[in-house]
C-alpha atoms as a PDB file:
ATOM      1  CA  MET A   1      -8.295 -91.870  -9.750  1.00  0.00           C
ATOM      2  CA  ASN A   2      -6.634 -94.095 -12.260  1.00  0.00           C
ATOM      3  CA  ILE A   3      -3.137 -91.861 -12.377  1.00  0.00           C
ATOM      4  CA  ASP A   4       0.381 -92.937 -12.430  1.00  0.00           C
ATOM      5  CA  ASP A   5       2.594 -91.482  -8.908  1.00  0.00           C
ATOM      6  CA  THR A   6       4.641 -89.317 -11.159  1.00  0.00           C
ATOM      7  CA  ALA A   7       0.898 -87.532 -12.559  1.00  0.00           C
ATOM      8  CA  ARG A   8       0.118 -87.385  -9.332  1.00  0.00           C
ATOM      9  CA  THR A   9       2.684 -85.752  -7.598  1.00  0.00           C
ATOM     10  CA  GLU A  10       2.756 -83.080 -10.645  1.00  0.00           C
ATOM     11  CA  LEU A  11      -0.541 -82.287 -10.444  1.00  0.00           C
ATOM     12  CA  GLU A  12      -0.265 -81.527  -6.761  1.00  0.00           C
ATOM     13  CA  ALA A  13       2.704 -79.647  -7.230  1.00  0.00           C
ATOM     14  CA  ALA A  14       0.538 -77.697  -9.971  1.00  0.00           C
ATOM     15  CA  ALA A  15      -2.469 -77.275  -7.695  1.00  0.00           C
ATOM     16  CA  PHE A  16       0.112 -76.123  -5.280  1.00  0.00           C
ATOM     17  CA  ARG A  17       1.849 -73.746  -7.111  1.00  0.00           C
ATOM     18  CA  ARG A  18      -1.854 -72.276  -8.623  1.00  0.00           C
ATOM     19  CA  LEU A  19      -2.638 -71.954  -4.957  1.00  0.00           C
ATOM     20  CA  LEU A  20       0.291 -69.969  -4.370  1.00  0.00           C
ATOM     21  CA  ASP A  21      -0.514 -67.701  -7.246  1.00  0.00           C
ATOM     22  CA  HIS A  22      -3.945 -66.700  -5.957  1.00  0.00           C
ATOM     23  CA  LEU A  23      -2.897 -66.196  -2.355  1.00  0.00           C
ATOM     24  CA  ARG A  24       0.074 -63.965  -3.752  1.00  0.00           C
ATOM     25  CA  GLY A  25      -3.116 -61.980  -5.626  1.00  0.00           C
ATOM     26  CA  ARG A  26      -5.136 -61.525  -2.681  1.00  0.00           C
ATOM     27  CA  THR A  27      -3.485 -59.140  -0.359  1.00  0.00           C
ATOM     28  CA  ASP A  28      -6.837 -58.086   0.724  1.00  0.00           C
ATOM     29  CA  VAL A  29      -7.036 -61.530   2.079  1.00  0.00           C
ATOM     30  CA  GLN A  30      -4.955 -61.232   5.535  1.00  0.00           C
ATOM     31  CA  ASN A  31      -3.398 -63.887   7.569  1.00  0.00           C
ATOM     32  CA  ILE A  32      -5.891 -63.656  10.313  1.00  0.00           C
ATOM     33  CA  ASP A  33      -8.964 -64.325   7.777  1.00  0.00           C
ATOM     34  CA  LEU A  34      -7.418 -67.787   6.559  1.00  0.00           C
ATOM     35  CA  MET A  35      -6.943 -68.656  10.169  1.00  0.00           C
ATOM     36  CA  ASN A  36     -10.660 -67.913  10.782  1.00  0.00           C
ATOM     37  CA  LEU A  37     -12.120 -69.630   8.238  1.00  0.00           C
ATOM     38  CA  ALA A  38      -9.943 -72.514   7.215  1.00  0.00           C
ATOM     39  CA  GLY A  39      -7.557 -73.055  10.053  1.00  0.00           C
ATOM     40  CA  PHE A  40      -4.653 -72.321   8.064  1.00  0.00           C
ATOM     41  CA  CYS A  41      -2.671 -69.449   6.641  1.00  0.00           C
ATOM     42  CA  ARG A  42       0.547 -68.366   3.963  1.00  0.00           C
ATOM     43  CA  ASN A  43       2.657 -68.864   7.530  1.00  0.00           C
ATOM     44  CA  CYS A  44       0.821 -72.062   7.932  1.00  0.00           C
ATOM     45  CA  LEU A  45       2.143 -72.920   4.271  1.00  0.00           C
ATOM     46  CA  SER A  46       5.397 -71.572   5.160  1.00  0.00           C
ATOM     47  CA  ASN A  47       6.313 -73.211   7.617  1.00  0.00           C
ATOM     48  CA  TRP A  48       4.746 -76.756   6.778  1.00  0.00           C
ATOM     49  CA  PHE A  49       7.051 -76.850   3.323  1.00  0.00           C
ATOM     50  CA  GLU A  50      10.448 -75.830   5.569  1.00  0.00           C
ATOM     51  CA  GLU A  51       9.257 -78.595   7.974  1.00  0.00           C
ATOM     52  CA  GLU A  52       9.087 -80.909   4.742  1.00  0.00           C
ATOM     53  CA  ALA A  53      12.351 -79.738   3.532  1.00  0.00           C
ATOM     54  CA  ARG A  54      14.169 -80.494   6.491  1.00  0.00           C
ATOM     55  CA  SER A  55      12.297 -84.204   7.336  1.00  0.00           C
ATOM     56  CA  ARG A  56      14.302 -84.682   3.879  1.00  0.00           C
ATOM     57  CA  GLY A  57      17.557 -83.415   4.923  1.00  0.00           C
ATOM     58  CA  LEU A  58      17.220 -80.251   2.769  1.00  0.00           C
ATOM     59  CA  PRO A  59      18.155 -76.982   3.851  1.00  0.00           C
ATOM     60  CA  VAL A  60      15.476 -74.640   3.629  1.00  0.00           C
ATOM     61  CA  THR A  61      15.032 -71.841   6.061  1.00  0.00           C
ATOM     62  CA  ARG A  62      12.495 -69.964   7.196  1.00  0.00           C
ATOM     63  CA  ASP A  63      12.902 -66.926   5.417  1.00  0.00           C
ATOM     64  CA  GLU A  64      13.520 -68.823   2.394  1.00  0.00           C
ATOM     65  CA  ALA A  65      10.373 -70.583   3.010  1.00  0.00           C
ATOM     66  CA  ARG A  66       7.837 -67.522   3.394  1.00  0.00           C
ATOM     67  CA  THR A  67       9.915 -65.792   0.339  1.00  0.00           C
ATOM     68  CA  MET A  68       8.806 -68.985  -1.901  1.00  0.00           C
ATOM     69  CA  VAL A  69       5.136 -68.699  -0.612  1.00  0.00           C
ATOM     70  CA  TYR A  70       4.759 -64.985  -0.444  1.00  0.00           C
ATOM     71  CA  GLY A  71       6.524 -64.225  -3.469  1.00  0.00           C
ATOM     72  CA  MET A  72       8.567 -61.819  -1.615  1.00  0.00           C
ATOM     73  CA  PRO A  73      10.762 -61.066   2.074  1.00  0.00           C
ATOM     74  CA  TYR A  74       7.890 -61.693   4.247  1.00  0.00           C
ATOM     75  CA  GLU A  75       8.855 -58.679   5.813  1.00  0.00           C
ATOM     76  CA  GLU A  76       8.546 -56.375   2.687  1.00  0.00           C
ATOM     77  CA  TRP A  77       4.974 -58.504   2.289  1.00  0.00           C
ATOM     78  CA  LYS A  78       4.223 -57.402   5.661  1.00  0.00           C
ATOM     79  CA  ALA A  79       5.342 -53.442   5.297  1.00  0.00           C
ATOM     80  CA  LYS A  80       3.411 -53.452   1.772  1.00  0.00           C
ATOM     81  CA  ASN A  81      -0.355 -55.558   2.543  1.00  0.00           C
ATOM     82  CA  GLN A  82      -0.852 -56.442   6.148  1.00  0.00           C
ATOM     83  CA  SER A  83      -2.543 -54.465   7.841  1.00  0.00           C
ATOM     84  CA  GLY A  84      -3.622 -54.438  11.897  1.00  0.00           C
ATOM     85  CA  ALA A  85      -6.282 -56.535  13.108  1.00  0.00           C
ATOM     86  CA  SER A  86      -9.727 -56.246  13.956  1.00  0.00           C
ATOM     87  CA  ASP A  87     -10.922 -56.397  17.462  1.00  0.00           C
ATOM     88  CA  GLU A  88     -13.337 -58.965  16.292  1.00  0.00           C
ATOM     89  CA  GLN A  89     -11.147 -60.567  13.976  1.00  0.00           C
ATOM     90  CA  LYS A  90      -9.205 -60.958  17.458  1.00  0.00           C
ATOM     91  CA  ALA A  91     -11.836 -62.648  19.150  1.00  0.00           C
ATOM     92  CA  LYS A  92     -12.327 -65.214  16.138  1.00  0.00           C
ATOM     93  CA  PHE A  93      -9.424 -65.908  16.345  1.00  0.00           C
ATOM     94  CA  ALA A  94      -9.234 -66.241  20.141  1.00  0.00           C
ATOM     95  CA  GLN A  95     -12.767 -68.172  20.436  1.00  0.00           C
ATOM     96  CA  SER A  96     -11.419 -70.864  17.341  1.00  0.00           C
ATOM     97  CA  HIS A  97      -7.959 -71.491  18.125  1.00  0.00           C
ATOM     98  CA  LYS A  98      -9.001 -72.622  22.265  1.00  0.00           C
ATOM     99  CA  HIS A  99      -6.729 -75.571  23.220  1.00  0.00           C
END
């Protein structure tokens, strides 16, 4: 890729914002589905954001990071959009996340 670091950072940020917009629009896709298929979910994204902010000395809380990812407070998103995981989803999660 023949672009400078500033342009690369701007493109990465734009792609991340599009990912967040996409996930906010796909409330039918549960976090457990994302974990089972991709190994990460919305909570992972918010955790990574929080960890990166803290590593740079920026005061970002878990709740702030989740609000940024979900587009609303996490508890509100859960109440509106999260359904209980099926036995099949739980079994896939347990199988794919053995340590």
